[in-house]
């Protein structure tokens, strides 16, 4: 009888619940002794945890990697676990299977984008376990488990045949590719990934190097339309009059567009942003708000190289629109910026129209956002009072944060309040007095709408109803965007 395939689970601590669900789903394979599973929860008190993890990983034949913003941002996972896993895959000693559990920019990872991931939703490519296309996460996990079951069955069969003919068993012969690689095989030939689940390049998902992810991997959330009261009677004059607005269904980016995603656009199209053409972008130098020479989308708010998983900033409305046009051409889908009404509806949790995207009360822990807080006030010497910061709140980031670092709102959208301002499609002007379906703003104007506040803004500016507007060419260290799509 073949030995159980030694299976190792790579996961981030934030994904503990996903790991537990996976283990529950794998129970039939465990009971049948088709696999044995190890994860860091098996480490005993007093053991050297890092050495034990690497020891078990080296012995594994099947490696399941739970992919999320947390795992992509884990230094130990990226530099230790994932590096060793890939070495084993290259040598043919193990199969590495990415399981996408949360929306994240995994297709931009130069190696992950070449591995066949799970789960796949019929006709729509790879969809995270938490995506709304699934009737429930249980359905997604069942899809994952069935695929792993087929893989294990074939691997055990191959191992058994190999053992019968050569007296050896192991992961090297586990699963051979059942058909030749696509034409890009020369590009990845050096990787030597011998198994079915690690040899396929996902053309529909990630395209050629630097190409945009397909819509499902851009993390688009279907927002069901409805009627809500747009504006506020308690805020600024430009938030009035309060009026009923009805919207049809639309899609909105689960995350703000990241530096890595914008970089792919620039490298593919050779686009020059307004900041690059003008050799400057707005920001603070000390206590002075000014155009800073040489500052552009490649920089964080302090002028350092911007991390790839942070929201892109220092981009104008023109730049954001150019990105949407490029992505539309690449994918065949019509991407655009959200209308101001769509943005406010989604940020305020639909018809509920909450004060902030996380709710009506003050932020607390991960139920909040990347805001003007105690950490920012300490770092940048801001005045600490209720008009300038969220007093008593520390979000852990003095400036921008990786997208998806805080809890999503009720619609499954991240960072709608804070992190960076987000450009909207509309021209900026006073609100009309009458209600209308699917408003798209005035026909012309001098400024475009910005919404959502940022990591450095007063609490008043971070309210869902707060409005701002600047000329289309303006760019600053706290302004970015997210994608929208009509269908």
Protein backbone atom coordinates (compact mmCIF):
# COMPACT_ATOMS: atom_id res chain seq x y z
CA UNK A 1 0.00 0.00 0.00
CA UNK A 2 1.47 3.41 -0.95
CA UNK A 3 2.69 5.62 1.84
CA UNK A 4 0.61 8.75 2.57
CA UNK A 5 1.87 11.76 0.67
CA UNK A 6 3.60 14.10 3.10
CA UNK A 7 1.66 17.35 2.86
CA UNK A 8 2.76 20.72 4.24
CA UNK A 9 0.52 23.80 4.60
CA UNK A 10 2.07 27.25 4.22
CA UNK A 11 -0.15 29.96 5.68
CA UNK A 12 -0.04 33.31 7.46
CA UNK A 13 -1.24 33.61 11.04
CA UNK A 14 -4.05 35.91 9.85
CA UNK A 15 -5.35 32.99 7.75
CA UNK A 16 -5.72 30.59 10.68
CA UNK A 17 -9.47 30.20 10.02
CA UNK A 18 -8.79 29.28 6.38
CA UNK A 19 -6.21 26.69 7.47
CA UNK A 20 -8.70 25.12 9.87
CA UNK A 21 -11.34 24.90 7.14
CA UNK A 22 -8.84 23.30 4.75
CA UNK A 23 -7.89 20.70 7.37
CA UNK A 24 -11.56 19.92 7.91
CA UNK A 25 -12.11 19.47 4.18
CA UNK A 26 -9.03 17.24 3.88
CA UNK A 27 -10.29 14.89 6.61
CA UNK A 28 -11.49 12.15 4.16
CA UNK A 29 -8.01 12.04 2.56
CA UNK A 30 -6.43 11.87 6.00
CA UNK A 31 -8.77 9.10 7.13
CA UNK A 32 -7.96 7.12 3.98
CA UNK A 33 -4.24 7.58 4.70
CA UNK A 34 -3.87 9.12 1.26
CA UNK A 35 -2.03 12.06 2.81
CA UNK A 36 -0.44 13.08 6.08
CA UNK A 37 -0.55 16.78 6.90
CA UNK A 38 1.87 18.93 8.86
CA UNK A 39 1.50 22.59 9.81
CA UNK A 40 3.11 24.76 12.46
CA UNK A 41 0.28 24.03 14.90
CA UNK A 42 2.03 20.67 15.42
CA UNK A 43 5.12 22.29 16.96
CA UNK A 44 5.55 21.22 20.58
CA UNK A 45 6.47 23.56 23.45
CA UNK A 46 10.22 24.06 23.67
CA UNK A 47 10.90 23.17 20.01
CA UNK A 48 12.81 25.59 17.78
CA UNK A 49 9.89 26.59 15.59
CA UNK A 50 11.80 27.86 12.57
CA UNK A 51 14.08 24.80 12.37
CA UNK A 52 11.09 22.44 12.73
CA UNK A 53 9.13 24.21 10.00
CA UNK A 54 12.02 24.00 7.53
CA UNK A 55 12.68 20.37 8.48
CA UNK A 56 9.07 19.36 7.76
CA UNK A 57 8.97 21.44 4.59
CA UNK A 58 12.08 19.71 3.26
CA UNK A 59 10.44 16.30 3.84
CA UNK A 60 7.14 17.22 2.16
CA UNK A 61 5.91 15.99 -1.22
CA UNK A 62 2.79 18.14 -1.57
CA UNK A 63 2.86 21.80 -0.49
CA UNK A 64 -0.39 23.73 -0.18
CA UNK A 65 0.11 27.48 0.04
CA UNK A 66 -2.76 29.67 1.27
CA UNK A 67 -2.37 32.92 -0.66
CA UNK A 68 -3.69 36.19 0.77
CA UNK A 69 -2.45 39.74 1.39
CA UNK A 70 -1.12 38.49 4.73
CA UNK A 71 0.94 35.65 3.24
CA UNK A 72 2.28 37.85 0.44
CA UNK A 73 3.42 40.35 3.07
CA UNK A 74 5.01 37.81 5.41
CA UNK A 75 8.81 38.04 5.29
CA UNK A 76 9.29 34.52 6.69
CA UNK A 77 6.85 32.96 4.21
CA UNK A 78 8.37 34.73 1.22
CA UNK A 79 12.05 34.41 2.11
CA UNK A 80 12.05 31.00 3.86
CA UNK A 81 9.02 28.78 3.27
CA UNK A 82 8.15 29.80 -0.27
CA UNK A 83 11.79 29.88 -1.38
CA UNK A 84 12.37 26.33 -0.13
CA UNK A 85 9.07 25.14 -1.61
CA UNK A 86 10.10 26.43 -5.03
CA UNK A 87 13.49 24.75 -4.78
CA UNK A 88 11.71 21.45 -4.16
CA UNK A 89 9.36 22.10 -7.06
CA UNK A 90 12.23 22.89 -9.43
CA UNK A 91 13.95 19.63 -8.52
CA UNK A 92 10.72 17.67 -8.99
CA UNK A 93 10.69 16.63 -5.33
CA UNK A 94 7.35 18.26 -4.53
CA UNK A 95 4.25 19.81 -6.01
CA UNK A 96 3.34 23.35 -4.96
CA UNK A 97 -0.33 24.30 -5.15
CA UNK A 98 -1.35 27.93 -4.43
CA UNK A 99 -4.85 28.19 -2.95
CA UNK A 100 -6.15 31.75 -3.30
CA UNK A 101 -8.14 32.49 -0.15
CA UNK A 102 -8.43 36.28 -0.36
CA UNK A 103 -8.31 38.78 -3.22
CA UNK A 104 -4.73 39.95 -3.60
CA UNK A 105 -2.24 40.84 -6.33
CA UNK A 106 -0.90 37.26 -6.60
CA UNK A 107 -0.74 37.36 -10.40
CA UNK A 108 1.94 40.05 -10.16
CA UNK A 109 4.27 37.72 -8.28
CA UNK A 110 6.77 36.52 -10.94
CA UNK A 111 6.64 32.93 -9.69
CA UNK A 112 3.14 32.54 -8.30
CA UNK A 113 1.70 33.74 -11.59
CA UNK A 114 3.23 30.67 -13.26
CA UNK A 115 1.65 28.11 -10.93
CA UNK A 116 -1.77 26.64 -11.54
CA UNK A 117 -3.80 27.86 -8.62
CA UNK A 118 -7.07 26.84 -6.98
CA UNK A 119 -10.04 27.22 -6.82
CA UNK A 120 -11.30 27.65 -10.37
CA UNK A 121 -14.88 28.79 -10.90
CA UNK A 122 -16.45 27.41 -14.07
CA UNK A 123 -15.93 29.80 -16.96
CA UNK A 124 -14.49 32.57 -14.77
CA UNK A 125 -10.96 31.45 -13.98
CA UNK A 126 -9.38 31.44 -10.54
CA UNK A 127 -11.65 32.91 -7.91
CA UNK A 128 -10.64 33.27 -4.23
CA UNK A 129 -12.38 31.12 -1.65
CA UNK A 130 -14.01 34.26 -0.24
CA UNK A 131 -15.25 35.58 -3.59
CA UNK A 132 -18.99 36.12 -3.95
CA UNK A 133 -19.25 33.98 -7.08
CA UNK A 134 -19.36 30.97 -4.73
CA UNK A 135 -22.66 30.17 -3.05
CA UNK A 136 -20.59 29.88 0.12
CA UNK A 137 -16.94 29.34 1.09
CA UNK A 138 -17.86 25.68 1.64
CA UNK A 139 -18.53 25.34 -2.10
CA UNK A 140 -15.12 26.86 -2.90
CA UNK A 141 -13.36 24.60 -0.40
CA UNK A 142 -15.11 21.56 -1.84
CA UNK A 143 -13.75 22.52 -5.26
CA UNK A 144 -10.26 22.83 -3.78
CA UNK A 145 -10.48 19.49 -2.00
CA UNK A 146 -11.77 17.63 -5.04
CA UNK A 147 -8.88 18.94 -7.14
CA UNK A 148 -6.37 17.95 -4.44
CA UNK A 149 -8.02 14.53 -4.19
CA UNK A 150 -7.56 13.91 -7.93
CA UNK A 151 -3.97 15.11 -7.70
CA UNK A 152 -3.22 12.83 -4.75
CA UNK A 153 -4.87 9.82 -6.40
CA UNK A 154 -2.79 10.27 -9.52
CA UNK A 155 0.34 10.93 -7.49
CA UNK A 156 -0.15 7.77 -5.40
CA UNK A 157 -0.78 5.75 -8.55
CA UNK A 158 2.38 7.08 -10.18
CA UNK A 159 4.37 6.52 -7.01
CA UNK A 160 3.08 2.95 -6.78
CA UNK A 161 4.01 2.23 -10.40
CA UNK A 162 7.39 3.85 -9.91
CA UNK A 163 7.94 1.85 -6.73
CA UNK A 164 6.99 -1.41 -8.46
CA UNK A 165 9.42 -0.87 -11.31
CA UNK A 166 12.34 0.71 -9.52
CA UNK A 167 11.89 -0.16 -5.88
CA UNK A 168 11.61 3.54 -4.96
CA UNK A 169 8.74 5.82 -4.08
CA UNK A 170 8.62 9.57 -3.59
CA UNK A 171 7.44 12.90 -4.88
CA UNK A 172 9.63 13.12 -7.97
CA UNK A 173 7.31 11.03 -10.14
CA UNK A 174 4.20 12.37 -8.47
CA UNK A 175 2.32 13.97 -11.34
CA UNK A 176 3.57 14.35 -14.87
CA UNK A 177 2.18 16.98 -17.21
CA UNK A 178 -0.57 15.37 -19.29
CA UNK A 179 -0.01 17.62 -22.29
CA UNK A 180 2.79 19.89 -23.55
CA UNK A 181 3.40 23.31 -22.15
CA UNK A 182 2.04 26.38 -23.95
CA UNK A 183 4.34 28.32 -26.29
CA UNK A 184 5.75 30.28 -23.37
CA UNK A 185 7.43 27.12 -22.02
CA UNK A 186 10.85 28.38 -23.08
CA UNK A 187 10.36 31.38 -20.82
CA UNK A 188 9.88 29.14 -17.75
CA UNK A 189 11.91 26.17 -18.87
CA UNK A 190 14.63 26.94 -16.37
CA UNK A 191 12.21 26.36 -13.53
CA UNK A 192 11.88 22.67 -14.34
CA UNK A 193 8.49 22.39 -12.63
CA UNK A 194 7.49 18.84 -13.42
CA UNK A 195 3.94 18.52 -12.15
CA UNK A 196 0.63 19.25 -13.74
CA UNK A 197 -0.34 21.78 -11.09
CA UNK A 198 2.87 23.79 -11.33
CA UNK A 199 3.66 23.74 -15.04
CA UNK A 200 0.69 25.57 -16.49
CA UNK A 201 0.93 29.26 -17.15
CA UNK A 202 -2.43 30.93 -16.73
CA UNK A 203 -2.88 32.77 -20.02
CA UNK A 204 -6.39 33.95 -19.23
CA UNK A 205 -5.36 34.97 -15.75
CA UNK A 206 -2.03 36.73 -16.03
CA UNK A 207 -1.12 37.01 -19.73
CA UNK A 208 2.44 37.94 -20.70
CA UNK A 209 4.89 39.40 -18.18
CA UNK A 210 3.69 42.86 -17.21
CA UNK A 211 0.20 42.34 -18.59
CA UNK A 212 -2.87 43.21 -16.53
CA UNK A 213 -4.67 40.54 -14.53
CA UNK A 214 -7.97 39.34 -15.90
CA UNK A 215 -11.10 40.88 -14.34
CA UNK A 216 -11.55 38.14 -11.77
CA UNK A 217 -8.01 38.65 -10.54
CA UNK A 218 -8.35 42.42 -10.51
CA UNK A 219 -10.55 41.76 -7.48
CA UNK A 220 -13.83 43.19 -8.71
CA UNK A 221 -16.78 43.02 -6.31
CA UNK A 222 -20.34 43.01 -7.64
CA UNK A 223 -22.21 45.82 -5.88
CA UNK A 224 -25.95 45.31 -6.05
CA UNK A 225 -27.77 48.50 -6.94
CA UNK A 226 -30.34 50.24 -4.80
CA UNK A 227 -31.59 53.60 -3.59
CA UNK A 228 -29.82 55.66 -0.93
CA UNK A 229 -29.76 59.17 0.47
CA UNK A 230 -26.70 60.80 -1.08
CA UNK A 231 -25.04 63.68 0.73
CA UNK A 232 -25.36 64.94 4.29
CA UNK A 233 -27.22 67.59 6.23
CA UNK A 234 -24.52 67.69 8.92
CA UNK A 235 -21.38 68.19 6.83
CA UNK A 236 -20.06 70.75 4.39
CA UNK A 237 -22.26 72.93 2.21
CA UNK A 238 -21.18 71.05 -0.93
CA UNK A 239 -22.69 67.84 0.52
CA UNK A 240 -26.19 69.34 0.29
CA UNK A 241 -28.96 68.93 -0.63
CA UNK A 242 -29.58 65.43 0.65
CA UNK A 243 -31.40 63.55 -2.10
CA UNK A 244 -32.46 60.06 -3.11
CA UNK A 245 -30.25 58.43 -5.72
CA UNK A 246 -30.95 55.09 -7.42
CA UNK A 247 -28.13 53.02 -8.89
CA UNK A 248 -28.02 49.91 -11.05
CA UNK A 249 -25.65 47.03 -10.29
CA UNK A 250 -21.97 47.73 -10.91
CA UNK A 251 -18.55 46.30 -10.12
CA UNK A 252 -15.98 48.02 -7.95
CA UNK A 253 -12.37 47.13 -7.21
CA UNK A 254 -12.01 45.28 -3.93
CA UNK A 255 -8.72 47.13 -3.38
CA UNK A 256 -7.13 50.38 -4.45
CA UNK A 257 -4.82 49.99 -7.46
CA UNK A 258 -1.35 49.14 -6.18
CA UNK A 259 2.11 50.38 -7.06
CA UNK A 260 2.93 46.98 -8.61
CA UNK A 261 -0.18 47.05 -10.81
CA UNK A 262 0.54 50.61 -11.94
CA UNK A 263 4.17 49.68 -12.63
CA UNK A 264 3.03 46.92 -15.01
CA UNK A 265 0.95 49.50 -16.88
CA UNK A 266 3.84 51.97 -17.17
CA UNK A 267 6.33 49.32 -18.29
CA UNK A 268 3.95 47.83 -20.85
CA UNK A 269 2.69 51.11 -22.33
CA UNK A 270 5.70 53.38 -21.68
CA UNK A 271 3.24 55.87 -20.25
CA UNK A 272 4.56 59.04 -18.61
CA UNK A 273 2.48 60.35 -15.73
CA UNK A 274 1.69 64.01 -15.20
CA UNK A 275 4.12 64.02 -12.27
CA UNK A 276 6.91 62.70 -14.50
CA UNK A 277 6.14 65.15 -17.29
CA UNK A 278 5.97 68.00 -14.79
CA UNK A 279 8.86 66.63 -12.69
CA UNK A 280 6.95 67.16 -9.44
CA UNK A 281 4.06 66.16 -7.22
CA UNK A 282 2.44 67.82 -4.22
CA UNK A 283 3.52 66.82 -0.74
CA UNK A 284 5.01 68.05 2.51
CA UNK A 285 8.65 68.94 2.99
CA UNK A 286 8.89 69.48 6.70
CA UNK A 287 5.85 71.61 7.46
CA UNK A 288 5.63 73.15 3.98
CA UNK A 289 3.02 71.93 1.47
CA UNK A 290 4.64 72.30 -1.93
CA UNK A 291 5.38 70.73 -5.29
CA UNK A 292 8.32 68.44 -4.65
CA UNK A 293 10.75 68.13 -7.53
CA UNK A 294 11.33 64.60 -8.84
CA UNK A 295 8.43 63.08 -6.88
CA UNK A 296 6.15 60.66 -8.77
CA UNK A 297 4.23 57.36 -8.50
CA UNK A 298 7.42 55.45 -7.69
CA UNK A 299 7.70 57.21 -4.33
CA UNK A 300 5.98 56.84 -0.99
CA UNK A 301 4.80 59.95 0.93
CA UNK A 302 8.31 60.49 2.32
CA UNK A 303 10.08 60.14 -1.03
CA UNK A 304 11.31 56.57 -0.53
CA UNK A 305 10.70 53.77 -3.08
CA UNK A 306 7.02 52.85 -2.79
CA UNK A 307 6.32 49.21 -1.80
CA UNK A 308 4.53 47.25 -4.52
CA UNK A 309 1.57 46.27 -2.32
CA UNK A 310 0.77 49.83 -1.23
CA UNK A 311 -1.79 51.93 -3.13
CA UNK A 312 -0.25 53.91 -5.94
CA UNK A 313 -0.20 57.66 -5.19
CA UNK A 314 1.14 60.81 -6.85
CA UNK A 315 -1.17 60.05 -9.79
CA UNK A 316 -3.57 62.48 -11.43
CA UNK A 317 -7.09 61.91 -12.74
CA UNK A 318 -5.55 61.81 -16.23
CA UNK A 319 -3.16 59.04 -15.13
CA UNK A 320 -5.93 57.02 -13.50
CA UNK A 321 -8.08 57.28 -16.62
CA UNK A 322 -5.14 56.22 -18.82
CA UNK A 323 -4.67 53.12 -16.63
CA UNK A 324 -8.36 52.21 -17.05
CA UNK A 325 -8.09 52.57 -20.82
CA UNK A 326 -4.97 50.40 -20.94
CA UNK A 327 -6.51 47.68 -18.78
CA UNK A 328 -9.67 47.72 -20.89
CA UNK A 329 -7.63 47.16 -24.04
CA UNK A 330 -5.64 44.36 -22.39
CA UNK A 331 -8.61 42.44 -21.07
CA UNK A 332 -11.46 43.26 -23.41
CA UNK A 333 -13.50 44.49 -20.42
CA UNK A 334 -14.56 48.14 -20.02
CA UNK A 335 -12.80 49.43 -16.92
CA UNK A 336 -13.36 52.98 -15.72
CA UNK A 337 -13.33 55.14 -12.62
CA UNK A 338 -16.45 54.93 -10.43
CA UNK A 339 -18.98 57.71 -10.56
CA UNK A 340 -19.20 59.83 -7.43
CA UNK A 341 -22.61 58.31 -6.62
CA UNK A 342 -21.30 54.77 -7.03
CA UNK A 343 -18.35 55.55 -4.80
CA UNK A 344 -20.46 57.02 -1.98
CA UNK A 345 -23.01 54.20 -2.17
CA UNK A 346 -20.29 51.53 -1.95
CA UNK A 347 -18.27 53.32 0.72
CA UNK A 348 -21.32 53.79 2.93
CA UNK A 349 -22.40 50.14 2.75
CA UNK A 350 -25.19 50.67 0.25
CA UNK A 351 -28.53 52.02 1.41
CA UNK A 352 -27.33 52.09 5.04
CA UNK A 353 -25.07 55.04 4.21
CA UNK A 354 -22.82 54.82 7.27
CA UNK A 355 -20.67 57.74 8.41
CA UNK A 356 -17.43 55.90 7.63
CA UNK A 357 -16.90 52.78 5.57
CA UNK A 358 -16.43 50.63 8.71
CA UNK A 359 -19.58 52.05 10.38
CA UNK A 360 -20.81 55.06 12.33
CA UNK A 361 -18.56 54.89 15.40
CA UNK A 362 -14.84 55.55 15.88
CA UNK A 363 -12.30 53.12 14.41
CA UNK A 364 -11.11 50.24 16.54
CA UNK A 365 -8.25 47.88 15.64
CA UNK A 366 -8.73 46.33 12.22
CA UNK A 367 -12.31 47.62 12.14
CA UNK A 368 -11.12 50.97 10.90
CA UNK A 369 -8.59 52.03 8.32
CA UNK A 370 -5.30 53.72 7.60
CA UNK A 371 -6.09 57.14 9.01
CA UNK A 372 -4.60 60.20 10.64
CA UNK A 373 -3.88 58.58 13.99
CA UNK A 374 -1.55 58.54 16.97
CA UNK A 375 1.30 56.94 15.01
CA UNK A 376 1.09 59.57 12.28
CA UNK A 377 0.86 62.39 14.79
CA UNK A 378 3.98 61.13 16.56
CA UNK A 379 5.93 60.67 13.32
CA UNK A 380 4.94 63.92 11.63
CA UNK A 381 4.38 66.12 14.71
CA UNK A 382 0.67 66.72 14.06
CA UNK A 383 -1.52 68.37 16.65
CA UNK A 384 -3.24 65.68 18.71
CA UNK A 385 -6.88 66.70 19.03
CA UNK A 386 -10.20 65.38 17.76
CA UNK A 387 -10.30 67.77 14.80
CA UNK A 388 -6.95 66.66 13.37
CA UNK A 389 -6.61 62.94 14.16
CA UNK A 390 -8.65 59.98 15.39
CA UNK A 391 -7.55 60.41 19.00
CA UNK A 392 -6.61 57.19 20.79
CA UNK A 393 -6.46 55.16 17.57
CA UNK A 394 -3.23 53.64 16.26
CA UNK A 395 -3.56 51.86 12.93
CA UNK A 396 0.10 50.79 12.90
CA UNK A 397 1.09 52.78 9.81
CA UNK A 398 2.38 56.35 9.90
CA UNK A 399 1.85 56.80 6.13
CA UNK A 400 0.26 54.49 3.51
CA UNK A 401 -0.46 50.84 4.33
CA UNK A 402 -0.54 47.70 2.17
CA UNK A 403 -3.96 47.40 0.55
CA UNK A 404 -6.34 45.14 2.46
CA UNK A 405 -4.62 45.65 5.83
CA UNK A 406 -7.94 46.35 7.56
CA UNK A 407 -11.32 44.66 7.59
CA UNK A 408 -13.51 45.04 4.54
CA UNK A 409 -16.79 46.90 4.79
CA UNK A 410 -20.16 45.14 4.56
CA UNK A 411 -19.90 44.96 0.75
CA UNK A 412 -16.46 43.31 0.83
CA UNK A 413 -14.51 46.46 -0.12
CA UNK A 414 -11.23 47.47 1.53
CA UNK A 415 -9.80 50.91 2.35
CA UNK A 416 -12.81 52.91 1.17
CA UNK A 417 -12.07 55.25 4.07
CA UNK A 418 -8.46 56.38 4.35
CA UNK A 419 -5.16 55.13 2.90
CA UNK A 420 -5.35 57.35 -0.22
CA UNK A 421 -7.96 59.63 -1.75
CA UNK A 422 -9.65 58.04 -4.77
CA UNK A 423 -10.38 59.76 -8.05
CA UNK A 424 -13.94 59.49 -9.39
CA UNK A 425 -15.12 59.94 -12.97
CA UNK A 426 -17.32 63.02 -12.38
CA UNK A 427 -16.62 66.67 -12.90
CA UNK A 428 -16.84 68.44 -9.55
CA UNK A 429 -19.75 70.84 -9.00
CA UNK A 430 -22.63 71.50 -6.60
CA UNK A 431 -25.26 68.78 -6.32
CA UNK A 432 -28.47 69.04 -8.35
CA UNK A 433 -31.67 69.51 -6.37
CA UNK A 434 -33.63 66.72 -8.06
CA UNK A 435 -33.23 62.98 -7.78
CA UNK A 436 -32.07 60.96 -10.77
CA UNK A 437 -31.05 57.38 -11.55
CA UNK A 438 -27.37 56.58 -12.13
CA UNK A 439 -26.08 60.17 -12.01
CA UNK A 440 -22.72 60.77 -13.65
CA UNK A 441 -22.16 64.39 -12.68
CA UNK A 442 -22.16 67.58 -14.79
CA UNK A 443 -21.24 67.55 -18.46
CA UNK A 444 -18.22 69.79 -17.96
CA UNK A 445 -16.21 71.55 -15.31
CA UNK A 446 -12.72 72.50 -14.18
CA UNK A 447 -12.11 69.87 -11.48
CA UNK A 448 -12.62 66.15 -10.97
CA UNK A 449 -13.96 64.53 -7.82
CA UNK A 450 -11.75 62.97 -5.12
CA UNK A 451 -13.28 60.89 -2.32
CA UNK A 452 -12.47 58.94 0.83
CA UNK A 453 -9.82 60.90 2.69
CA UNK A 454 -6.35 59.52 3.31
CA UNK A 455 -3.80 58.44 5.91
CA UNK A 456 -3.07 62.09 6.69
CA UNK A 457 -6.50 63.76 6.69
CA UNK A 458 -8.73 65.22 9.36
CA UNK A 459 -11.54 62.92 10.54
CA UNK A 460 -14.06 65.32 9.00
CA UNK A 461 -12.52 64.70 5.56
CA UNK A 462 -12.77 60.92 5.94
CA UNK A 463 -16.57 60.82 6.18
CA UNK A 464 -18.29 58.93 3.39
CA UNK A 465 -20.23 62.04 2.34
CA UNK A 466 -17.23 64.39 2.21
CA UNK A 467 -16.39 65.74 -1.25
CA UNK A 468 -13.23 67.16 -2.75
CA UNK A 469 -12.29 68.30 -6.24
CA UNK A 470 -9.12 69.20 -8.13
CA UNK A 471 -8.06 69.83 -11.72
CA UNK A 472 -7.46 66.60 -13.68
CA UNK A 473 -3.70 67.10 -13.80
CA UNK A 474 -3.17 67.57 -10.06
CA UNK A 475 -1.27 64.82 -8.26
CA UNK A 476 -0.24 64.42 -4.67
CA UNK A 477 1.29 62.04 -2.16
CA UNK A 478 -2.11 60.97 -0.88
CA UNK A 479 -4.18 60.54 -4.08
CA UNK A 480 -4.78 57.26 -5.92
CA UNK A 481 -7.77 55.37 -7.37
CA UNK A 482 -9.66 52.09 -7.71
CA UNK A 483 -11.33 50.46 -10.70
CA UNK A 484 -15.00 50.25 -11.60
CA UNK A 485 -16.86 48.36 -14.30
CA UNK A 486 -20.47 48.42 -15.42
CA UNK A 487 -20.68 44.68 -16.17
